[in-house]
Amino acid sequence: MRIIRLLLLGAAVAVSLAACGGAAPSGSPVIGDITVVAQDMKFDRAQVQVPANRPFTFAFRNRDSMPHNIAIYTDDSATTKVFIGQIITGSETLYRIPALKPGTYFFRCDVHPSMTGSIVAR
């Protein structure tokens, strides 16, 4: 009976982390509408396109040994935030992004602001 309780507790924790966009264990693929990889202190994509007025998901894979995140702002001044993703190191996570109005948005790693890109919502 104790083993069953421990298994149920473990499953509940895993579901909670997934619902909150927590980092996935290494080897567990994270699937999203868009995938962005951080490696060698840069993002693998300088621009991504998403549908306007519809929420979407970012599968974020950090292949560096340093911490990174994806933060979305209205423009490259990074003064008006749209979404700030959890900082992760050497793992993957799923970010749930709210619907964006049509336009171009700026994203960066808040830990390393030289890592940048743009999101075009159409």
PDB file of N, CA and C in Angstrom:
ATOM      1  N   MET A   1       0.826  -1.193   0.000  1.00  0.00           N
ATOM      2  CA  MET A   1       0.000   0.000   0.000  1.00  0.00           C
ATOM      3  C   MET A   1       0.872   1.260   0.000  1.00  0.00           C
ATOM      4  N   ARG A   2       1.983   1.221   0.735  1.00  0.00           N
ATOM      5  CA  ARG A   2       2.867   2.389   0.813  1.00  0.00           C
ATOM      6  C   ARG A   2       3.490   2.684  -0.543  1.00  0.00           C
ATOM      7  N   ILE A   3       3.836   1.642  -1.296  1.00  0.00           N
ATOM      8  CA  ILE A   3       4.421   1.816  -2.618  1.00  0.00           C
ATOM      9  C   ILE A   3       3.430   2.503  -3.543  1.00  0.00           C
ATOM     10  N   ILE A   4       2.172   2.108  -3.481  1.00  0.00           N
ATOM     11  CA  ILE A   4       1.143   2.730  -4.318  1.00  0.00           C
ATOM     12  C   ILE A   4       1.011   4.209  -3.990  1.00  0.00           C
ATOM     13  N   ARG A   5       1.028   4.560  -2.709  1.00  0.00           N
ATOM     14  CA  ARG A   5       0.941   5.971  -2.315  1.00  0.00           C
ATOM     15  C   ARG A   5       2.131   6.758  -2.852  1.00  0.00           C
ATOM     16  N   LEU A   6       3.329   6.187  -2.770  1.00  0.00           N
ATOM     17  CA  LEU A   6       4.521   6.873  -3.279  1.00  0.00           C
ATOM     18  C   LEU A   6       4.446   7.056  -4.789  1.00  0.00           C
ATOM     19  N   LEU A   7       3.974   6.041  -5.498  1.00  0.00           N
ATOM     20  CA  LEU A   7       3.820   6.162  -6.945  1.00  0.00           C
ATOM     21  C   LEU A   7       2.796   7.236  -7.303  1.00  0.00           C
ATOM     22  N   LEU A   8       1.692   7.275  -6.583  1.00  0.00           N
ATOM     23  CA  LEU A   8       0.675   8.298  -6.836  1.00  0.00           C
ATOM     24  C   LEU A   8       1.203   9.696  -6.534  1.00  0.00           C
ATOM     25  N   LEU A   9       1.973   9.827  -5.460  1.00  0.00           N
ATOM     26  CA  LEU A   9       2.564  11.111  -5.119  1.00  0.00           C
ATOM     27  C   LEU A   9       3.535  11.554  -6.212  1.00  0.00           C
ATOM     28  N   GLY A  10       4.360  10.640  -6.692  1.00  0.00           N
ATOM     29  CA  GLY A  10       5.301  10.960  -7.776  1.00  0.00           C
ATOM     30  C   GLY A  10       4.589  11.397  -9.036  1.00  0.00           C
ATOM     31  N   ALA A  11       3.503  10.708  -9.383  1.00  0.00           N
ATOM     32  CA  ALA A  11       2.725  11.082 -10.559  1.00  0.00           C
ATOM     33  C   ALA A  11       2.099  12.460 -10.385  1.00  0.00           C
ATOM     34  N   ALA A  12       1.602  12.755  -9.190  1.00  0.00           N
ATOM     35  CA  ALA A  12       0.994  14.068  -8.931  1.00  0.00           C
ATOM     36  C   ALA A  12       2.030  15.184  -9.065  1.00  0.00           C
ATOM     37  N   VAL A  13       3.231  14.947  -8.577  1.00  0.00           N
ATOM     38  CA  VAL A  13       4.292  15.952  -8.701  1.00  0.00           C
ATOM     39  C   VAL A  13       4.645  16.164 -10.170  1.00  0.00           C
ATOM     40  N   ALA A  14       4.755  15.100 -10.939  1.00  0.00           N
ATOM     41  CA  ALA A  14       5.084  15.215 -12.361  1.00  0.00           C
ATOM     42  C   ALA A  14       4.018  15.995 -13.108  1.00  0.00           C
ATOM     43  N   VAL A  15       2.749  15.724 -12.807  1.00  0.00           N
ATOM     44  CA  VAL A  15       1.656  16.446 -13.458  1.00  0.00           C
ATOM     45  C   VAL A  15       1.687  17.915 -13.065  1.00  0.00           C
ATOM     46  N   SER A  16       1.973  18.212 -11.809  1.00  0.00           N
ATOM     47  CA  SER A  16       2.043  19.608 -11.355  1.00  0.00           C
ATOM     48  C   SER A  16       3.152  20.360 -12.067  1.00  0.00           C
ATOM     49  N   LEU A  17       4.321  19.740 -12.194  1.00  0.00           N
ATOM     50  CA  LEU A  17       5.420  20.403 -12.891  1.00  0.00           C
ATOM     51  C   LEU A  17       5.082  20.649 -14.346  1.00  0.00           C
ATOM     52  N   ALA A  18       4.472  19.684 -15.004  1.00  0.00           N
ATOM     53  CA  ALA A  18       4.104  19.854 -16.404  1.00  0.00           C
ATOM     54  C   ALA A  18       3.085  20.975 -16.562  1.00  0.00           C
ATOM     55  N   ALA A  19       2.131  21.062 -15.671  1.00  0.00           N
ATOM     56  CA  ALA A  19       1.102  22.098 -15.754  1.00  0.00           C
ATOM     57  C   ALA A  19       1.667  23.480 -15.533  1.00  0.00           C
ATOM     58  N   CYS A  20       2.724  23.580 -14.742  1.00  0.00           N
ATOM     59  CA  CYS A  20       3.325  24.873 -14.446  1.00  0.00           C
ATOM     60  C   CYS A  20       4.447  25.231 -15.396  1.00  0.00           C
ATOM     61  N   GLY A  21       4.723  24.377 -16.370  1.00  0.00           N
ATOM     62  CA  GLY A  21       5.811  24.660 -17.289  1.00  0.00           C
ATOM     63  C   GLY A  21       7.158  24.398 -16.666  1.00  0.00           C
ATOM     64  N   GLY A  22       7.230  23.480 -15.709  1.00  0.00           N
ATOM     65  CA  GLY A  22       8.488  23.148 -15.061  1.00  0.00           C
ATOM     66  C   GLY A  22       9.425  22.440 -16.009  1.00  0.00           C
ATOM     67  N   ALA A  23      10.682  22.401 -15.659  1.00  0.00           N
ATOM     68  CA  ALA A  23      11.683  21.765 -16.495  1.00  0.00           C
ATOM     69  C   ALA A  23      11.432  20.267 -16.549  1.00  0.00           C
ATOM     70  N   ALA A  24      11.623  19.695 -17.723  1.00  0.00           N
ATOM     71  CA  ALA A  24      11.452  18.260 -17.905  1.00  0.00           C
ATOM     72  C   ALA A  24      12.779  17.563 -17.646  1.00  0.00           C
ATOM     73  N   PRO A  25      12.725  16.358 -17.117  1.00  0.00           N
ATOM     74  CA  PRO A  25      13.953  15.614 -16.917  1.00  0.00           C
ATOM     75  C   PRO A  25      14.642  15.356 -18.253  1.00  0.00           C
ATOM     76  N   SER A  26      15.956  15.245 -18.227  1.00  0.00           N
ATOM     77  CA  SER A  26      16.716  14.964 -19.432  1.00  0.00           C
ATOM     78  C   SER A  26      16.211  13.668 -20.054  1.00  0.00           C
ATOM     79  N   GLY A  27      16.034  13.666 -21.373  1.00  0.00           N
ATOM     80  CA  GLY A  27      15.558  12.481 -22.059  1.00  0.00           C
ATOM     81  C   GLY A  27      14.056  12.466 -22.282  1.00  0.00           C
ATOM     82  N   SER A  28      13.317  13.324 -21.609  1.00  0.00           N
ATOM     83  CA  SER A  28      11.877  13.422 -21.817  1.00  0.00           C
ATOM     84  C   SER A  28      11.624  14.552 -22.805  1.00  0.00           C
ATOM     85  N   PRO A  29      11.210  14.237 -24.034  1.00  0.00           N
ATOM     86  CA  PRO A  29      11.025  15.302 -25.016  1.00  0.00           C
ATOM     87  C   PRO A  29       9.867  16.222 -24.656  1.00  0.00           C
ATOM     88  N   VAL A  30      10.079  17.500 -24.845  1.00  0.00           N
ATOM     89  CA  VAL A  30       9.051  18.507 -24.630  1.00  0.00           C
ATOM     90  C   VAL A  30       8.588  18.959 -26.007  1.00  0.00           C
ATOM     91  N   ILE A  31       7.294  18.919 -26.249  1.00  0.00           N
ATOM     92  CA  ILE A  31       6.759  19.271 -27.560  1.00  0.00           C
ATOM     93  C   ILE A  31       5.885  20.499 -27.419  1.00  0.00           C
ATOM     94  N   GLY A  32       6.120  21.487 -28.300  1.00  0.00           N
ATOM     95  CA  GLY A  32       5.333  22.713 -28.294  1.00  0.00           C
ATOM     96  C   GLY A  32       5.017  23.135 -29.717  1.00  0.00           C
ATOM     97  N   ASP A  33       4.266  24.210 -29.856  1.00  0.00           N
ATOM     98  CA  ASP A  33       3.962  24.746 -31.183  1.00  0.00           C
ATOM     99  C   ASP A  33       5.229  25.236 -31.867  1.00  0.00           C
ATOM    100  N   ILE A  34       6.132  25.806 -31.081  1.00  0.00           N
ATOM    101  CA  ILE A  34       7.411  26.336 -31.566  1.00  0.00           C
ATOM    102  C   ILE A  34       8.500  25.745 -30.684  1.00  0.00           C
ATOM    103  N   THR A  35       9.638  25.409 -31.273  1.00  0.00           N
ATOM    104  CA  THR A  35      10.776  24.940 -30.496  1.00  0.00           C
ATOM    105  C   THR A  35      11.933  25.911 -30.695  1.00  0.00           C
ATOM    106  N   VAL A  36      12.525  26.338 -29.585  1.00  0.00           N
ATOM    107  CA  VAL A  36      13.705  27.207 -29.612  1.00  0.00           C
ATOM    108  C   VAL A  36      14.769  26.551 -28.744  1.00  0.00           C
ATOM    109  N   VAL A  37      15.985  26.511 -29.275  1.00  0.00           N
ATOM    110  CA  VAL A  37      17.100  25.882 -28.575  1.00  0.00           C
ATOM    111  C   VAL A  37      18.151  26.945 -28.256  1.00  0.00           C
ATOM    112  N   ALA A  38      18.633  26.921 -27.018  1.00  0.00           N
ATOM    113  CA  ALA A  38      19.767  27.761 -26.620  1.00  0.00           C
ATOM    114  C   ALA A  38      20.999  26.862 -26.595  1.00  0.00           C
ATOM    115  N   GLN A  39      22.004  27.246 -27.382  1.00  0.00           N
ATOM    116  CA  GLN A  39      23.248  26.478 -27.414  1.00  0.00           C
ATOM    117  C   GLN A  39      24.374  27.401 -27.840  1.00  0.00           C
ATOM    118  N   ASP A  40      25.511  27.253 -27.184  1.00  0.00           N
ATOM    119  CA  ASP A  40      26.676  28.089 -27.466  1.00  0.00           C
ATOM    120  C   ASP A  40      26.354  29.575 -27.303  1.00  0.00           C
ATOM    121  N   MET A  41      25.572  29.879 -26.269  1.00  0.00           N
ATOM    122  CA  MET A  41      25.226  31.263 -25.915  1.00  0.00           C
ATOM    123  C   MET A  41      24.455  31.996 -27.015  1.00  0.00           C
ATOM    124  N   LYS A  42      23.621  31.267 -27.761  1.00  0.00           N
ATOM    125  CA  LYS A  42      22.745  31.891 -28.751  1.00  0.00           C
ATOM    126  C   LYS A  42      21.522  31.017 -28.957  1.00  0.00           C
ATOM    127  N   PHE A  43      20.463  31.617 -29.485  1.00  0.00           N
ATOM    128  CA  PHE A  43      19.270  30.877 -29.847  1.00  0.00           C
ATOM    129  C   PHE A  43      19.445  30.321 -31.259  1.00  0.00           C
ATOM    130  N   ASP A  44      18.851  29.186 -31.535  1.00  0.00           N
ATOM    131  CA  ASP A  44      18.981  28.581 -32.860  1.00  0.00           C
ATOM    132  C   ASP A  44      18.100  29.255 -33.906  1.00  0.00           C
ATOM    133  N   ARG A  45      17.196  30.116 -33.475  1.00  0.00           N
ATOM    134  CA  ARG A  45      16.312  30.821 -34.407  1.00  0.00           C
ATOM    135  C   ARG A  45      16.293  32.300 -34.069  1.00  0.00           C
ATOM    136  N   ALA A  46      16.496  33.130 -35.066  1.00  0.00           N
ATOM    137  CA  ALA A  46      16.461  34.576 -34.853  1.00  0.00           C
ATOM    138  C   ALA A  46      15.041  35.111 -34.957  1.00  0.00           C
ATOM    139  N   GLN A  47      14.166  34.354 -35.631  1.00  0.00           N
ATOM    140  CA  GLN A  47      12.782  34.799 -35.789  1.00  0.00           C
ATOM    141  C   GLN A  47      11.858  33.590 -35.798  1.00  0.00           C
ATOM    142  N   VAL A  48      10.723  33.749 -35.160  1.00  0.00           N
ATOM    143  CA  VAL A  48       9.676  32.724 -35.199  1.00  0.00           C
ATOM    144  C   VAL A  48       8.357  33.395 -35.562  1.00  0.00           C
ATOM    145  N   GLN A  49       7.502  32.648 -36.227  1.00  0.00           N
ATOM    146  CA  GLN A  49       6.174  33.152 -36.570  1.00  0.00           C
ATOM    147  C   GLN A  49       5.131  32.351 -35.820  1.00  0.00           C
ATOM    148  N   VAL A  50       4.140  33.062 -35.306  1.00  0.00           N
ATOM    149  CA  VAL A  50       3.055  32.435 -34.562  1.00  0.00           C
ATOM    150  C   VAL A  50       1.729  33.017 -35.039  1.00  0.00           C
ATOM    151  N   PRO A  51       0.651  32.285 -34.830  1.00  0.00           N
ATOM    152  CA  PRO A  51      -0.653  32.846 -35.182  1.00  0.00           C
ATOM    153  C   PRO A  51      -1.045  33.947 -34.198  1.00  0.00           C
ATOM    154  N   ALA A  52      -1.562  35.036 -34.725  1.00  0.00           N
ATOM    155  CA  ALA A  52      -2.010  36.144 -33.872  1.00  0.00           C
ATOM    156  C   ALA A  52      -3.314  35.767 -33.174  1.00  0.00           C
ATOM    157  N   ASN A  53      -3.523  36.376 -32.017  1.00  0.00           N
ATOM    158  CA  ASN A  53      -4.772  36.245 -31.260  1.00  0.00           C
ATOM    159  C   ASN A  53      -5.078  34.808 -30.822  1.00  0.00           C
ATOM    160  N   ARG A  54      -4.021  34.009 -30.662  1.00  0.00           N
ATOM    161  CA  ARG A  54      -4.212  32.636 -30.206  1.00  0.00           C
ATOM    162  C   ARG A  54      -3.038  32.242 -29.310  1.00  0.00           C
ATOM    163  N   PRO A  55      -3.306  31.708 -28.128  1.00  0.00           N
ATOM    164  CA  PRO A  55      -2.205  31.265 -27.267  1.00  0.00           C
ATOM    165  C   PRO A  55      -1.388  30.176 -27.975  1.00  0.00           C
ATOM    166  N   PHE A  56      -0.121  30.066 -27.605  1.00  0.00           N
ATOM    167  CA  PHE A  56       0.740  29.035 -28.190  1.00  0.00           C
ATOM    168  C   PHE A  56       1.746  28.574 -27.146  1.00  0.00           C
ATOM    169  N   THR A  57       2.486  27.546 -27.495  1.00  0.00           N
ATOM    170  CA  THR A  57       3.488  27.022 -26.573  1.00  0.00           C
ATOM    171  C   THR A  57       4.870  27.057 -27.210  1.00  0.00           C
ATOM    172  N   PHE A  58       5.851  27.382 -26.371  1.00  0.00           N
ATOM    173  CA  PHE A  58       7.263  27.335 -26.742  1.00  0.00           C
ATOM    174  C   PHE A  58       7.879  26.134 -26.044  1.00  0.00           C
ATOM    175  N   ALA A  59       8.419  25.209 -26.792  1.00  0.00           N
ATOM    176  CA  ALA A  59       9.257  24.175 -26.200  1.00  0.00           C
ATOM    177  C   ALA A  59      10.661  24.785 -26.183  1.00  0.00           C
ATOM    178  N   PHE A  60      11.200  25.014 -25.002  1.00  0.00           N
ATOM    179  CA  PHE A  60      12.512  25.646 -24.861  1.00  0.00           C
ATOM    180  C   PHE A  60      13.515  24.610 -24.381  1.00  0.00           C
ATOM    181  N   ARG A  61      14.573  24.440 -25.164  1.00  0.00           N
ATOM    182  CA  ARG A  61      15.630  23.481 -24.834  1.00  0.00           C
ATOM    183  C   ARG A  61      16.926  24.244 -24.582  1.00  0.00           C
ATOM    184  N   ASN A  62      17.430  24.135 -23.374  1.00  0.00           N
ATOM    185  CA  ASN A  62      18.701  24.766 -23.027  1.00  0.00           C
ATOM    186  C   ASN A  62      19.787  23.691 -23.076  1.00  0.00           C
ATOM    187  N   ARG A  63      20.621  23.746 -24.092  1.00  0.00           N
ATOM    188  CA  ARG A  63      21.696  22.760 -24.250  1.00  0.00           C
ATOM    189  C   ARG A  63      23.023  23.284 -23.715  1.00  0.00           C
ATOM    190  N   ASP A  64      22.998  24.453 -23.100  1.00  0.00           N
ATOM    191  CA  ASP A  64      24.194  25.002 -22.461  1.00  0.00           C
ATOM    192  C   ASP A  64      24.239  24.573 -21.007  1.00  0.00           C
ATOM    193  N   SER A  65      25.413  24.702 -20.415  1.00  0.00           N
ATOM    194  CA  SER A  65      25.537  24.413 -18.978  1.00  0.00           C
ATOM    195  C   SER A  65      25.244  25.661 -18.152  1.00  0.00           C
ATOM    196  N   MET A  66      24.921  26.757 -18.829  1.00  0.00           N
ATOM    197  CA  MET A  66      24.582  28.014 -18.157  1.00  0.00           C
ATOM    198  C   MET A  66      23.067  28.208 -18.161  1.00  0.00           C
ATOM    199  N   PRO A  67      22.551  28.970 -17.201  1.00  0.00           N
ATOM    200  CA  PRO A  67      21.105  29.194 -17.156  1.00  0.00           C
ATOM    201  C   PRO A  67      20.631  30.132 -18.266  1.00  0.00           C
ATOM    202  N   HIS A  68      19.448  29.829 -18.812  1.00  0.00           N
ATOM    203  CA  HIS A  68      18.816  30.672 -19.836  1.00  0.00           C
ATOM    204  C   HIS A  68      17.299  30.655 -19.629  1.00  0.00           C
ATOM    205  N   ASN A  69      16.652  31.614 -20.253  1.00  0.00           N
ATOM    206  CA  ASN A  69      15.197  31.613 -20.343  1.00  0.00           C
ATOM    207  C   ASN A  69      14.800  32.303 -21.629  1.00  0.00           C
ATOM    208  N   ILE A  70      13.506  32.367 -21.869  1.00  0.00           N
ATOM    209  CA  ILE A  70      12.965  33.186 -22.953  1.00  0.00           C
ATOM    210  C   ILE A  70      11.999  34.165 -22.312  1.00  0.00           C
ATOM    211  N   ALA A  71      12.250  35.432 -22.560  1.00  0.00           N
ATOM    212  CA  ALA A  71      11.372  36.501 -22.085  1.00  0.00           C
ATOM    213  C   ALA A  71      10.903  37.281 -23.308  1.00  0.00           C
ATOM    214  N   ILE A  72       9.617  37.556 -23.381  1.00  0.00           N
ATOM    215  CA  ILE A  72       9.037  38.254 -24.530  1.00  0.00           C
ATOM    216  C   ILE A  72       8.622  39.649 -24.102  1.00  0.00           C
ATOM    217  N   TYR A  73       9.003  40.632 -24.924  1.00  0.00           N
ATOM    218  CA  TYR A  73       8.696  42.042 -24.674  1.00  0.00           C
ATOM    219  C   TYR A  73       8.038  42.641 -25.917  1.00  0.00           C
ATOM    220  N   THR A  74       7.391  43.782 -25.730  1.00  0.00           N
ATOM    221  CA  THR A  74       6.719  44.427 -26.867  1.00  0.00           C
ATOM    222  C   THR A  74       7.718  44.930 -27.905  1.00  0.00           C
ATOM    223  N   ASP A  75       8.930  45.303 -27.458  1.00  0.00           N
ATOM    224  CA  ASP A  75       9.958  45.766 -28.403  1.00  0.00           C
ATOM    225  C   ASP A  75      11.335  45.580 -27.770  1.00  0.00           C
ATOM    226  N   ASP A  76      12.387  45.947 -28.524  1.00  0.00           N
ATOM    227  CA  ASP A  76      13.751  45.678 -28.050  1.00  0.00           C
ATOM    228  C   ASP A  76      14.225  46.596 -26.919  1.00  0.00           C
ATOM    229  N   SER A  77      13.385  47.521 -26.472  1.00  0.00           N
ATOM    230  CA  SER A  77      13.744  48.290 -25.276  1.00  0.00           C
ATOM    231  C   SER A  77      13.585  47.422 -24.020  1.00  0.00           C
ATOM    232  N   ALA A  78      12.835  46.328 -24.162  1.00  0.00           N
ATOM    233  CA  ALA A  78      12.582  45.365 -23.077  1.00  0.00           C
ATOM    234  C   ALA A  78      12.012  46.037 -21.831  1.00  0.00           C
ATOM    235  N   THR A  79      11.188  47.048 -22.030  1.00  0.00           N
ATOM    236  CA  THR A  79      10.579  47.729 -20.887  1.00  0.00           C
ATOM    237  C   THR A  79       9.170  47.216 -20.581  1.00  0.00           C
ATOM    238  N   THR A  80       8.456  46.754 -21.618  1.00  0.00           N
ATOM    239  CA  THR A  80       7.099  46.258 -21.412  1.00  0.00           C
ATOM    240  C   THR A  80       7.075  44.760 -21.655  1.00  0.00           C
ATOM    241  N   LYS A  81       6.952  44.004 -20.554  1.00  0.00           N
ATOM    242  CA  LYS A  81       6.997  42.555 -20.682  1.00  0.00           C
ATOM    243  C   LYS A  81       5.655  41.994 -21.136  1.00  0.00           C
ATOM    244  N   VAL A  82       5.754  40.927 -21.902  1.00  0.00           N
ATOM    245  CA  VAL A  82       4.587  40.172 -22.336  1.00  0.00           C
ATOM    246  C   VAL A  82       4.567  38.823 -21.622  1.00  0.00           C
ATOM    247  N   PHE A  83       5.758  38.216 -21.498  1.00  0.00           N
ATOM    248  CA  PHE A  83       5.898  36.912 -20.863  1.00  0.00           C
ATOM    249  C   PHE A  83       7.337  36.751 -20.383  1.00  0.00           C
ATOM    250  N   ILE A  84       7.510  36.233 -19.184  1.00  0.00           N
ATOM    251  CA  ILE A  84       8.846  35.945 -18.650  1.00  0.00           C
ATOM    252  C   ILE A  84       8.885  34.451 -18.313  1.00  0.00           C
ATOM    253  N   GLY A  85       9.718  33.713 -19.025  1.00  0.00           N
ATOM    254  CA  GLY A  85       9.818  32.277 -18.802  1.00  0.00           C
ATOM    255  C   GLY A  85      10.763  31.920 -17.672  1.00  0.00           C
ATOM    256  N   GLN A  86      10.513  30.771 -17.084  1.00  0.00           N
ATOM    257  CA  GLN A  86      11.351  30.230 -16.023  1.00  0.00           C
ATOM    258  C   GLN A  86      12.776  30.050 -16.537  1.00  0.00           C
ATOM    259  N   ILE A  87      13.748  30.362 -15.709  1.00  0.00           N
ATOM    260  CA  ILE A  87      15.159  30.159 -16.048  1.00  0.00           C
ATOM    261  C   ILE A  87      15.499  28.697 -15.791  1.00  0.00           C
ATOM    262  N   ILE A  88      16.107  28.052 -16.802  1.00  0.00           N
ATOM    263  CA  ILE A  88      16.484  26.647 -16.681  1.00  0.00           C
ATOM    264  C   ILE A  88      17.943  26.464 -17.077  1.00  0.00           C
ATOM    265  N   THR A  89      18.541  25.392 -16.592  1.00  0.00           N
ATOM    266  CA  THR A  89      19.922  25.064 -16.935  1.00  0.00           C
ATOM    267  C   THR A  89      19.983  23.629 -17.427  1.00  0.00           C
ATOM    268  N   GLY A  90      20.471  23.446 -18.656  1.00  0.00           N
ATOM    269  CA  GLY A  90      20.695  22.106 -19.185  1.00  0.00           C
ATOM    270  C   GLY A  90      19.487  21.200 -19.210  1.00  0.00           C
ATOM    271  N   SER A  91      18.304  21.747 -19.447  1.00  0.00           N
ATOM    272  CA  SER A  91      17.095  20.925 -19.500  1.00  0.00           C
ATOM    273  C   SER A  91      16.117  21.539 -20.491  1.00  0.00           C
ATOM    274  N   GLU A  92      14.890  21.086 -20.447  1.00  0.00           N
ATOM    275  CA  GLU A  92      13.841  21.574 -21.337  1.00  0.00           C
ATOM    276  C   GLU A  92      12.630  21.974 -20.524  1.00  0.00           C
ATOM    277  N   THR A  93      11.842  22.882 -21.093  1.00  0.00           N
ATOM    278  CA  THR A  93      10.601  23.271 -20.440  1.00  0.00           C
ATOM    279  C   THR A  93       9.598  23.687 -21.504  1.00  0.00           C
ATOM    280  N   LEU A  94       8.357  23.773 -21.112  1.00  0.00           N
ATOM    281  CA  LEU A  94       7.304  24.211 -22.007  1.00  0.00           C
ATOM    282  C   LEU A  94       6.730  25.507 -21.467  1.00  0.00           C
ATOM    283  N   TYR A  95       6.829  26.559 -22.266  1.00  0.00           N
ATOM    284  CA  TYR A  95       6.255  27.849 -21.892  1.00  0.00           C
ATOM    285  C   TYR A  95       4.894  27.984 -22.572  1.00  0.00           C
ATOM    286  N   ARG A  96       3.895  28.377 -21.811  1.00  0.00           N
ATOM    287  CA  ARG A  96       2.569  28.651 -22.364  1.00  0.00           C
ATOM    288  C   ARG A  96       2.446  30.166 -22.529  1.00  0.00           C
ATOM    289  N   ILE A  97       2.378  30.607 -23.774  1.00  0.00           N
ATOM    290  CA  ILE A  97       2.395  32.031 -24.087  1.00  0.00           C
ATOM    291  C   ILE A  97       0.970  32.503 -24.365  1.00  0.00           C
ATOM    292  N   PRO A  98       0.571  33.631 -23.761  1.00  0.00           N
ATOM    293  CA  PRO A  98      -0.775  34.151 -24.027  1.00  0.00           C
ATOM    294  C   PRO A  98      -0.878  34.645 -25.474  1.00  0.00           C
ATOM    295  N   ALA A  99      -2.094  34.784 -25.947  1.00  0.00           N
ATOM    296  CA  ALA A  99      -2.333  35.273 -27.312  1.00  0.00           C
ATOM    297  C   ALA A  99      -1.668  36.627 -27.518  1.00  0.00           C
ATOM    298  N   LEU A 100      -1.021  36.772 -28.669  1.00  0.00           N
ATOM    299  CA  LEU A 100      -0.380  38.037 -29.034  1.00  0.00           C
ATOM    300  C   LEU A 100      -1.184  38.707 -30.138  1.00  0.00           C
ATOM    301  N   LYS A 101      -1.350  40.013 -30.025  1.00  0.00           N
ATOM    302  CA  LYS A 101      -1.984  40.765 -31.098  1.00  0.00           C
ATOM    303  C   LYS A 101      -1.040  40.762 -32.299  1.00  0.00           C
ATOM    304  N   PRO A 102      -1.572  40.970 -33.521  1.00  0.00           N
ATOM    305  CA  PRO A 102      -0.689  41.000 -34.690  1.00  0.00           C
ATOM    306  C   PRO A 102       0.425  42.028 -34.500  1.00  0.00           C
ATOM    307  N   GLY A 103       1.620  41.652 -34.905  1.00  0.00           N
ATOM    308  CA  GLY A 103       2.770  42.553 -34.797  1.00  0.00           C
ATOM    309  C   GLY A 103       4.056  41.784 -34.577  1.00  0.00           C
ATOM    310  N   THR A 104       5.122  42.536 -34.347  1.00  0.00           N
ATOM    311  CA  THR A 104       6.440  41.958 -34.113  1.00  0.00           C
ATOM    312  C   THR A 104       6.842  42.219 -32.674  1.00  0.00           C
ATOM    313  N   TYR A 105       7.308  41.191 -32.006  1.00  0.00           N
ATOM    314  CA  TYR A 105       7.711  41.243 -30.607  1.00  0.00           C
ATOM    315  C   TYR A 105       9.182  40.860 -30.492  1.00  0.00           C
ATOM    316  N   PHE A 106       9.779  41.232 -29.396  1.00  0.00           N
ATOM    317  CA  PHE A 106      11.193  40.981 -29.121  1.00  0.00           C
ATOM    318  C   PHE A 106      11.303  39.907 -28.058  1.00  0.00           C
ATOM    319  N   PHE A 107      12.209  38.937 -28.258  1.00  0.00           N
ATOM    320  CA  PHE A 107      12.477  38.007 -27.164  1.00  0.00           C
ATOM    321  C   PHE A 107      13.976  37.944 -26.910  1.00  0.00           C
ATOM    322  N   ARG A 108      14.301  37.614 -25.663  1.00  0.00           N
ATOM    323  CA  ARG A 108      15.702  37.505 -25.268  1.00  0.00           C
ATOM    324  C   ARG A 108      15.819  36.550 -24.081  1.00  0.00           C
ATOM    325  N   CYS A 109      17.058  36.253 -23.757  1.00  0.00           N
ATOM    326  CA  CYS A 109      17.362  35.569 -22.505  1.00  0.00           C
ATOM    327  C   CYS A 109      17.632  36.675 -21.496  1.00  0.00           C
ATOM    328  N   ASP A 110      16.888  36.707 -20.414  1.00  0.00           N
ATOM    329  CA  ASP A 110      17.098  37.764 -19.420  1.00  0.00           C
ATOM    330  C   ASP A 110      18.426  37.616 -18.689  1.00  0.00           C
ATOM    331  N   VAL A 111      18.975  36.407 -18.646  1.00  0.00           N
ATOM    332  CA  VAL A 111      20.256  36.196 -17.995  1.00  0.00           C
ATOM    333  C   VAL A 111      21.393  36.682 -18.888  1.00  0.00           C
ATOM    334  N   HIS A 112      21.232  36.498 -20.201  1.00  0.00           N
ATOM    335  CA  HIS A 112      22.235  36.909 -21.194  1.00  0.00           C
ATOM    336  C   HIS A 112      21.533  37.747 -22.263  1.00  0.00           C
ATOM    337  N   PRO A 113      21.325  39.040 -22.027  1.00  0.00           N
ATOM    338  CA  PRO A 113      20.527  39.885 -22.923  1.00  0.00           C
ATOM    339  C   PRO A 113      21.038  40.011 -24.358  1.00  0.00           C
ATOM    340  N   SER A 114      22.259  39.534 -24.632  1.00  0.00           N
ATOM    341  CA  SER A 114      22.740  39.556 -26.018  1.00  0.00           C
ATOM    342  C   SER A 114      22.117  38.423 -26.844  1.00  0.00           C
ATOM    343  N   MET A 115      21.479  37.469 -26.190  1.00  0.00           N
ATOM    344  CA  MET A 115      20.771  36.395 -26.892  1.00  0.00           C
ATOM    345  C   MET A 115      19.370  36.910 -27.207  1.00  0.00           C
ATOM    346  N   THR A 116      19.098  37.179 -28.473  1.00  0.00           N
ATOM    347  CA  THR A 116      17.834  37.823 -28.848  1.00  0.00           C
ATOM    348  C   THR A 116      17.202  37.178 -30.079  1.00  0.00           C
ATOM    349  N   GLY A 117      15.961  37.544 -30.293  1.00  0.00           N
ATOM    350  CA  GLY A 117      15.225  37.134 -31.483  1.00  0.00           C
ATOM    351  C   GLY A 117      13.934  37.918 -31.579  1.00  0.00           C
ATOM    352  N   SER A 118      13.134  37.626 -32.603  1.00  0.00           N
ATOM    353  CA  SER A 118      11.856  38.309 -32.758  1.00  0.00           C
ATOM    354  C   SER A 118      10.760  37.286 -33.014  1.00  0.00           C
ATOM    355  N   ILE A 119       9.563  37.675 -32.626  1.00  0.00           N
ATOM    356  CA  ILE A 119       8.366  36.866 -32.831  1.00  0.00           C
ATOM    357  C   ILE A 119       7.419  37.694 -33.698  1.00  0.00           C
ATOM    358  N   VAL A 120       6.995  37.123 -34.785  1.00  0.00           N
ATOM    359  CA  VAL A 120       6.030  37.794 -35.650  1.00  0.00           C
ATOM    360  C   VAL A 120       4.697  37.086 -35.483  1.00  0.00           C
ATOM    361  N   ALA A 121       3.700  37.813 -34.992  1.00  0.00           N
ATOM    362  CA  ALA A 121       2.351  37.280 -34.814  1.00  0.00           C
ATOM    363  C   ALA A 121       1.503  37.745 -35.984  1.00  0.00           C
ATOM    364  N   ARG A 122       0.983  36.794 -36.753  1.00  0.00           N
ATOM    365  CA  ARG A 122       0.148  37.116 -37.929  1.00  0.00           C
ATOM    366  C   ARG A 122      -1.179  36.423 -37.848  1.00  0.00           C
TER     367      ARG A 122
END
